[in-house]
């Protein structure tokens, strides 16, 4: 969602004189989106690894 809004902010930059402000907002949204995506991937991988270990212990 943040990535789509970032593209929208870049379009707004064309129509306003103070384009640097919109560029800064777009970059902050991009960094926040990348951080949240990375956090989600790490948390998903950690939870799936623990489930796999539990399944191995039950089968032995």
Protein backbone atom coordinates (compact mmCIF):
# COMPACT_ATOMS: atom_id res chain seq x y z
CA UNK A 1 0.00 0.00 0.00
CA UNK A 2 2.80 2.40 0.87
CA UNK A 3 4.51 1.62 -2.43
CA UNK A 4 1.37 2.65 -4.36
CA UNK A 5 1.10 5.86 -2.36
CA UNK A 6 4.75 6.60 -3.10
CA UNK A 7 3.99 6.56 -6.83
CA UNK A 8 1.03 8.86 -6.27
CA UNK A 9 3.26 11.33 -4.39
CA UNK A 10 5.70 11.35 -7.32
CA UNK A 11 2.82 12.32 -9.63
CA UNK A 12 1.86 15.17 -7.28
CA UNK A 13 5.43 16.43 -7.47
CA UNK A 14 4.88 17.35 -11.12
CA UNK A 15 2.00 19.73 -10.35
CA UNK A 16 3.50 21.67 -7.42
CA UNK A 17 6.45 24.05 -7.25
CA UNK A 18 7.80 22.65 -3.99
CA UNK A 19 8.63 19.24 -5.46
CA UNK A 20 11.44 18.57 -2.99
CA UNK A 21 8.91 18.28 -0.18
CA UNK A 22 6.98 15.57 -2.02
CA UNK A 23 10.18 13.79 -2.92
CA UNK A 24 11.14 13.65 0.76
CA UNK A 25 7.72 12.28 1.71
CA UNK A 26 7.94 9.64 -1.01
CA UNK A 27 11.38 8.53 0.16
CA UNK A 28 10.23 8.27 3.79
CA UNK A 29 7.24 6.19 2.74
CA UNK A 30 9.49 3.94 0.65
CA UNK A 31 11.89 3.38 3.54
CA UNK A 32 9.02 2.65 5.93
CA UNK A 33 7.49 0.21 3.42
CA UNK A 34 10.81 -1.61 2.98
CA UNK A 35 11.25 -1.85 6.75
CA UNK A 36 7.76 -3.25 7.28
CA UNK A 37 8.21 -5.75 4.44
CA UNK A 38 11.54 -6.93 5.87
CA UNK A 39 10.05 -7.22 9.37
CA UNK A 40 7.11 -9.24 8.01
CA UNK A 41 9.41 -11.62 6.12
CA UNK A 42 11.63 -12.17 9.15
CA UNK A 43 8.68 -12.82 11.47
CA UNK A 44 7.05 -15.17 8.95
CA UNK A 45 10.27 -17.15 8.49
CA UNK A 46 10.85 -17.43 12.23
CA UNK A 47 7.34 -18.71 12.93
CA UNK A 48 7.44 -21.24 10.08
CA UNK A 49 10.82 -22.64 11.23
CA UNK A 50 9.53 -23.31 14.72
CA UNK A 51 6.48 -25.14 13.36
CA UNK A 52 8.71 -27.35 11.23
CA UNK A 53 10.89 -28.26 14.24
CA UNK A 54 7.79 -29.11 16.28
CA UNK A 55 6.54 -31.40 13.50
CA UNK A 56 9.92 -33.20 13.39
CA UNK A 57 9.87 -33.82 17.15
CA UNK A 58 6.36 -35.27 16.98
CA UNK A 59 7.28 -37.67 14.18
CA UNK A 60 10.29 -39.14 16.03
